[in-house]
């Protein structure tokens, strides 16, 4: 029923005003094996995933661009919470909608806040990815900063001028709590990419958190390097410091990546770890991927994760 409704809606959009609108379908599939170590318990087994992505774009007579994106798995999940396209209850936001023009771009939904948009994490420096994403999902790696502290619905405005761009964003709080916000600025000077950002997370019963960070990146031919540092407070007022370092190397069909990250909270302790990823491109949208991470929580619990398999894009 959900699939019929989704494909019917897609068909209507595709044929209504075809000269001004476009609907594209892309997909990906992954298969392999993965050992997802949680608290010392090995979980070796088969790993597989399939995703289909719908991208809808259009343009008004005056040159205003607009569009929306949604993954098929998100559409099915959304349908269990509410009607697709109805986010008035703040439970169905696994999609994005944008409007863009000379004034900049407005994006709503499951998108990056201005801090995540502006800063480059260590795990995003030349990372070819892995099928289980273990190289960026370990203790100590904070990939989305304070995004998601609220209901996940983010509104972001960004504007580009030459080699520079800035953004502001707001995330809705939960149960009438105060909203979170972020500001970010990024650019490129003499081949050095940089980002500067500040974020205050949505408030909860304890309080709100905040972070201020900066990232730098530079390429040396086939080698890319980057660093991100951020400092602030958690929701109970304890000092919090983040650091990530990333390296990426690419030569022909081979891509390699390594990163180190730590998340240090005063009075709680430091969680840290390393992640590595490798890809051999087979051509035609297929590649062999390997990923590994080793980390330690603030409580001293070690964990190792790895995956090996084939990733395909269509």
Protein backbone atom coordinates (compact mmCIF):
# COMPACT_ATOMS: atom_id res chain seq x y z
CA UNK A 1 0.00 0.00 0.00
CA UNK A 2 2.78 2.43 0.96
CA UNK A 3 4.80 1.50 -2.12
CA UNK A 4 1.80 1.94 -4.42
CA UNK A 5 1.10 5.35 -2.92
CA UNK A 6 4.76 6.40 -3.18
CA UNK A 7 5.16 5.32 -6.82
CA UNK A 8 1.83 6.86 -7.74
CA UNK A 9 2.87 10.17 -6.19
CA UNK A 10 6.21 9.99 -8.03
CA UNK A 11 4.44 9.38 -11.32
CA UNK A 12 2.11 12.34 -10.78
CA UNK A 13 5.04 14.65 -10.04
CA UNK A 14 6.96 13.34 -13.04
CA UNK A 15 4.17 13.95 -15.55
CA UNK A 16 2.72 17.14 -14.08
CA UNK A 17 4.71 20.01 -15.53
CA UNK A 18 7.45 17.74 -16.87
CA UNK A 19 9.21 20.69 -18.52
CA UNK A 20 9.84 22.36 -15.16
CA UNK A 21 10.34 19.39 -12.81
CA UNK A 22 12.57 16.35 -12.63
CA UNK A 23 12.36 13.14 -10.60
CA UNK A 24 15.51 11.02 -10.29
CA UNK A 25 15.91 7.61 -8.69
CA UNK A 26 19.25 6.30 -7.45
CA UNK A 27 20.18 3.38 -5.26
CA UNK A 28 22.85 1.48 -3.41
CA UNK A 29 23.42 -2.03 -2.08
CA UNK A 30 25.98 -3.55 0.26
CA UNK A 31 26.82 -7.11 1.25
CA UNK A 32 29.58 -8.70 3.26
CA UNK A 33 30.51 -9.68 6.79
CA UNK A 34 30.90 -7.54 9.90
CA UNK A 35 32.03 -7.99 13.48
CA UNK A 36 30.28 -5.33 15.56
CA UNK A 37 31.88 -5.63 19.00
CA UNK A 38 29.62 -4.09 21.67
CA UNK A 39 30.99 -4.04 25.23
CA UNK A 40 33.31 -6.93 24.47
CA UNK A 41 30.68 -9.18 22.89
CA UNK A 42 31.55 -10.35 19.37
CA UNK A 43 28.70 -10.14 16.87
CA UNK A 44 30.20 -11.63 13.71
CA UNK A 45 27.70 -12.22 10.95
CA UNK A 46 26.43 -11.35 7.51
CA UNK A 47 25.85 -7.71 6.67
CA UNK A 48 23.60 -6.40 3.89
CA UNK A 49 21.63 -3.29 3.07
CA UNK A 50 19.66 -1.89 0.14
CA UNK A 51 18.56 1.71 -0.30
CA UNK A 52 16.60 3.55 -2.98
CA UNK A 53 16.68 7.36 -3.05
CA UNK A 54 14.17 9.67 -4.71
CA UNK A 55 15.29 13.19 -5.63
CA UNK A 56 12.70 15.66 -6.92
CA UNK A 57 13.72 19.06 -8.27
CA UNK A 58 12.02 21.90 -10.09
CA UNK A 59 12.33 25.56 -11.00
CA UNK A 60 9.82 28.39 -11.18
CA UNK A 61 9.48 30.74 -14.14
CA UNK A 62 11.38 33.32 -12.10
CA UNK A 63 14.38 31.02 -11.55
CA UNK A 64 13.57 29.86 -8.00
CA UNK A 65 14.85 26.30 -7.54
CA UNK A 66 13.10 23.87 -5.21
CA UNK A 67 13.19 20.19 -4.40
CA UNK A 68 12.95 17.34 -1.94
CA UNK A 69 14.75 14.07 -1.23
CA UNK A 70 13.72 10.92 0.62
CA UNK A 71 15.10 7.41 0.93
CA UNK A 72 12.76 4.47 0.42
CA UNK A 73 13.58 2.99 3.82
CA UNK A 74 12.89 6.37 5.44
CA UNK A 75 9.59 6.59 3.57
CA UNK A 76 8.50 3.18 4.88
CA UNK A 77 9.59 4.09 8.43
CA UNK A 78 7.82 7.44 8.20
CA UNK A 79 4.61 5.75 7.14
CA UNK A 80 4.52 3.83 10.44
CA UNK A 81 4.60 7.13 12.36
CA UNK A 82 2.33 9.26 10.18
CA UNK A 83 1.43 10.20 6.64
CA UNK A 84 4.37 10.80 4.32
CA UNK A 85 4.82 14.54 3.96
CA UNK A 86 3.03 15.42 7.21
CA UNK A 87 5.51 16.52 9.86
CA UNK A 88 3.20 18.56 12.08
CA UNK A 89 3.72 16.06 14.91
CA UNK A 90 7.53 16.26 14.62
CA UNK A 91 7.85 12.47 14.35
CA UNK A 92 8.30 12.16 10.58
CA UNK A 93 11.31 14.10 9.43
CA UNK A 94 13.50 11.58 7.57
CA UNK A 95 13.58 13.72 4.44
CA UNK A 96 14.73 17.14 3.25
CA UNK A 97 13.02 19.96 1.39
CA UNK A 98 14.86 22.97 -0.04
CA UNK A 99 14.24 26.28 -1.78
CA UNK A 100 17.16 28.06 -3.45
CA UNK A 101 17.75 31.31 -5.29
CA UNK A 102 19.96 34.38 -5.44
CA UNK A 103 19.15 34.94 -1.75
CA UNK A 104 20.76 31.62 -0.75
CA UNK A 105 19.31 28.23 0.18
CA UNK A 106 16.73 27.23 2.81
CA UNK A 107 16.75 23.54 3.79
CA UNK A 108 14.30 21.84 6.15
CA UNK A 109 14.17 18.34 7.62
CA UNK A 110 16.80 15.71 8.32
CA UNK A 111 19.76 17.92 7.38
CA UNK A 112 23.00 19.14 8.96
CA UNK A 113 22.95 21.99 11.43
CA UNK A 114 25.25 24.93 10.66
CA UNK A 115 28.09 23.54 12.80
CA UNK A 116 28.09 20.13 11.13
CA UNK A 117 27.75 21.91 7.76
CA UNK A 118 30.76 24.19 8.39
CA UNK A 119 33.28 21.85 10.05
CA UNK A 120 35.03 18.88 8.45
CA UNK A 121 35.37 15.96 10.84
CA UNK A 122 38.44 13.76 10.81
CA UNK A 123 36.38 10.90 9.44
CA UNK A 124 35.41 12.93 6.38
CA UNK A 125 38.99 13.52 5.18
CA UNK A 126 39.42 11.33 2.11
CA UNK A 127 37.27 8.56 3.57
CA UNK A 128 36.05 6.01 0.96
CA UNK A 129 33.62 4.58 3.53
CA UNK A 130 32.86 1.04 4.66
CA UNK A 131 29.71 -1.07 4.58
CA UNK A 132 29.13 -0.82 8.37
CA UNK A 133 30.60 2.69 8.93
CA UNK A 134 32.60 1.42 11.89
CA UNK A 135 35.46 3.84 11.19
CA UNK A 136 33.24 6.78 12.19
CA UNK A 137 30.85 5.25 14.73
CA UNK A 138 33.03 4.44 17.71
CA UNK A 139 33.28 5.86 21.25
CA UNK A 140 34.91 9.28 21.17
CA UNK A 141 33.82 10.13 17.62
CA UNK A 142 31.21 12.92 17.67
CA UNK A 143 30.17 13.22 14.05
CA UNK A 144 27.08 15.39 14.34
CA UNK A 145 28.07 17.57 17.33
CA UNK A 146 24.82 18.68 19.06
CA UNK A 147 22.46 17.89 16.17
CA UNK A 148 19.72 15.51 17.26
CA UNK A 149 19.48 16.82 20.83
CA UNK A 150 15.99 18.03 19.92
CA UNK A 151 13.34 16.43 17.72
CA UNK A 152 15.67 16.15 14.71
CA UNK A 153 13.82 18.74 12.62
CA UNK A 154 16.42 21.28 11.46
CA UNK A 155 15.94 24.43 9.41
CA UNK A 156 19.16 25.79 7.86
CA UNK A 157 19.87 28.86 5.75
CA UNK A 158 23.18 29.07 3.90
CA UNK A 159 24.66 31.55 1.44
CA UNK A 160 27.81 31.28 -0.72
CA UNK A 161 29.97 34.04 -2.15
CA UNK A 162 33.14 33.09 -4.03
CA UNK A 163 35.25 30.70 -1.97
CA UNK A 164 33.29 31.42 1.21
CA UNK A 165 29.91 30.51 2.68
CA UNK A 166 28.02 30.98 5.94
CA UNK A 167 24.99 29.33 7.51
CA UNK A 168 22.58 29.61 10.43
CA UNK A 169 20.30 26.84 11.67
CA UNK A 170 17.63 26.07 14.25
CA UNK A 171 16.60 22.69 15.67
CA UNK A 172 13.23 22.35 17.38
CA UNK A 173 13.20 21.39 21.04
CA UNK A 174 11.15 18.57 22.49
CA UNK A 175 8.06 19.15 24.67
CA UNK A 176 8.19 22.95 24.35
CA UNK A 177 11.85 23.06 25.43
CA UNK A 178 14.02 25.88 24.12
CA UNK A 179 15.22 25.42 20.53
CA UNK A 180 18.86 24.88 19.63
CA UNK A 181 20.74 27.02 17.13
CA UNK A 182 24.06 27.10 15.28
CA UNK A 183 26.10 29.45 13.10
CA UNK A 184 28.94 28.49 10.79
CA UNK A 185 31.39 29.97 8.31
CA UNK A 186 33.69 28.10 5.92
CA UNK A 187 35.97 28.78 3.00
CA UNK A 188 39.26 28.18 1.25
CA UNK A 189 42.42 30.31 1.36
CA UNK A 190 45.49 29.38 -0.70
CA UNK A 191 44.41 25.75 -0.81
CA UNK A 192 43.68 25.52 2.92
CA UNK A 193 40.05 24.77 3.72
CA UNK A 194 38.69 26.03 7.02
CA UNK A 195 35.51 26.10 9.06
CA UNK A 196 34.45 28.02 12.17
CA UNK A 197 31.21 27.36 14.03
CA UNK A 198 29.27 27.69 17.27
CA UNK A 199 26.30 25.63 18.42
CA UNK A 200 23.93 25.66 21.38
CA UNK A 201 21.93 22.45 21.69
CA UNK A 202 18.26 22.17 22.48
CA UNK A 203 17.43 22.38 26.18
CA UNK A 204 16.27 19.43 28.27
CA UNK A 205 15.29 19.06 31.93
CA UNK A 206 18.93 19.44 33.00
CA UNK A 207 19.98 22.29 30.75
CA UNK A 208 21.52 22.95 27.36
CA UNK A 209 24.97 22.28 25.91
CA UNK A 210 27.20 24.38 23.68
CA UNK A 211 30.25 23.91 21.48
CA UNK A 212 32.58 26.20 19.55
CA UNK A 213 34.89 24.62 16.99
CA UNK A 214 37.27 25.06 14.09
CA UNK A 215 38.53 22.73 11.37
CA UNK A 216 41.44 22.95 8.90
CA UNK A 217 42.26 20.84 5.88
CA UNK A 218 44.95 20.70 3.22
CA UNK A 219 45.82 18.48 0.26
CA UNK A 220 49.33 17.30 -0.65
CA UNK A 221 48.75 15.75 -4.06
CA UNK A 222 47.27 12.31 -3.40
CA UNK A 223 47.35 12.87 0.37
CA UNK A 224 44.77 14.92 2.30
CA UNK A 225 44.97 15.87 5.97
CA UNK A 226 42.60 17.60 8.35
CA UNK A 227 42.03 18.44 12.00
CA UNK A 228 38.97 19.55 13.98
CA UNK A 229 38.90 20.83 17.55
CA UNK A 230 35.90 22.00 19.56
CA UNK A 231 35.32 23.05 23.14
CA UNK A 232 32.29 23.87 25.26
CA UNK A 233 30.02 22.48 27.97
CA UNK A 234 27.68 19.53 28.28
CA UNK A 235 24.12 19.78 29.64
CA UNK A 236 25.22 19.71 33.27
CA UNK A 237 27.83 22.45 32.78
CA UNK A 238 30.93 20.24 32.66
CA UNK A 239 33.73 21.27 30.30
CA UNK A 240 33.82 19.22 27.08
CA UNK A 241 36.62 19.03 24.50
CA UNK A 242 36.54 17.29 21.11
CA UNK A 243 39.43 16.57 18.76
CA UNK A 244 39.61 14.67 15.48
CA UNK A 245 42.47 14.12 13.03
CA UNK A 246 42.02 12.55 9.61
CA UNK A 247 44.24 11.40 6.74
CA UNK A 248 43.22 10.25 3.28
CA UNK A 249 45.26 8.84 0.40
CA UNK A 250 44.18 7.89 -3.10
CA UNK A 251 46.17 6.31 -5.94
CA UNK A 252 44.43 4.79 -8.94
CA UNK A 253 41.73 2.38 -7.80
CA UNK A 254 42.95 2.32 -4.18
CA UNK A 255 41.74 4.72 -1.48
CA UNK A 256 42.93 4.65 2.15
CA UNK A 257 41.82 6.57 5.23
CA UNK A 258 42.69 6.79 8.94
CA UNK A 259 41.35 8.94 11.77
CA UNK A 260 41.74 9.51 15.49
CA UNK A 261 39.06 11.08 17.71
CA UNK A 262 38.54 11.86 21.37
CA UNK A 263 35.68 13.25 23.43
CA UNK A 264 36.82 14.45 26.87
CA UNK A 265 34.24 15.54 29.48
CA UNK A 266 35.51 16.99 32.76
CA UNK A 267 34.58 14.73 35.65
CA UNK A 268 33.46 11.90 33.35
CA UNK A 269 36.60 10.99 31.49
CA UNK A 270 37.87 10.67 27.96
CA UNK A 271 36.52 8.37 25.26
CA UNK A 272 38.80 7.90 22.26
CA UNK A 273 39.63 5.62 19.39
CA UNK A 274 40.98 5.13 15.90
CA UNK A 275 39.25 4.25 12.64
CA UNK A 276 40.56 3.07 9.28
CA UNK A 277 38.89 2.42 5.94
CA UNK A 278 40.04 1.14 2.55
CA UNK A 279 38.42 0.78 -0.85
CA UNK A 280 39.42 -0.87 -4.11
CA UNK A 281 37.36 0.49 -6.98
CA UNK A 282 36.18 -2.23 -9.36
CA UNK A 283 34.60 0.24 -11.76
CA UNK A 284 30.99 0.56 -12.85
CA UNK A 285 29.88 1.76 -9.42
CA UNK A 286 31.17 -1.23 -7.44
CA UNK A 287 34.00 -1.44 -4.94
CA UNK A 288 35.45 -3.66 -2.22
CA UNK A 289 35.41 -1.90 1.17
CA UNK A 290 37.10 -2.61 4.49
CA UNK A 291 36.54 -0.74 7.74
CA UNK A 292 37.91 -1.07 11.28
CA UNK A 293 37.80 0.83 14.56
CA UNK A 294 39.22 0.32 18.03
CA UNK A 295 37.99 2.49 20.89
CA UNK A 296 37.71 2.88 24.64
CA UNK A 297 34.80 4.48 26.48
CA UNK A 298 35.20 6.97 29.32
CA UNK A 299 34.48 4.04 31.64
CA UNK A 300 37.40 2.03 30.27
CA UNK A 301 35.43 -0.44 28.11
CA UNK A 302 37.25 -1.47 24.92
CA UNK A 303 35.49 -2.26 21.67
CA UNK A 304 36.65 -3.33 18.21
CA UNK A 305 34.58 -3.32 15.03
CA UNK A 306 35.37 -4.36 11.46
CA UNK A 307 33.61 -5.06 8.21
CA UNK A 308 34.51 -6.33 4.74
CA UNK A 309 32.29 -6.42 1.72
CA UNK A 310 31.11 -5.12 -1.62
CA UNK A 311 29.32 -1.80 -2.06
CA UNK A 312 27.39 -0.99 -5.23
CA UNK A 313 25.86 2.27 -6.42
CA UNK A 314 23.25 2.60 -9.18
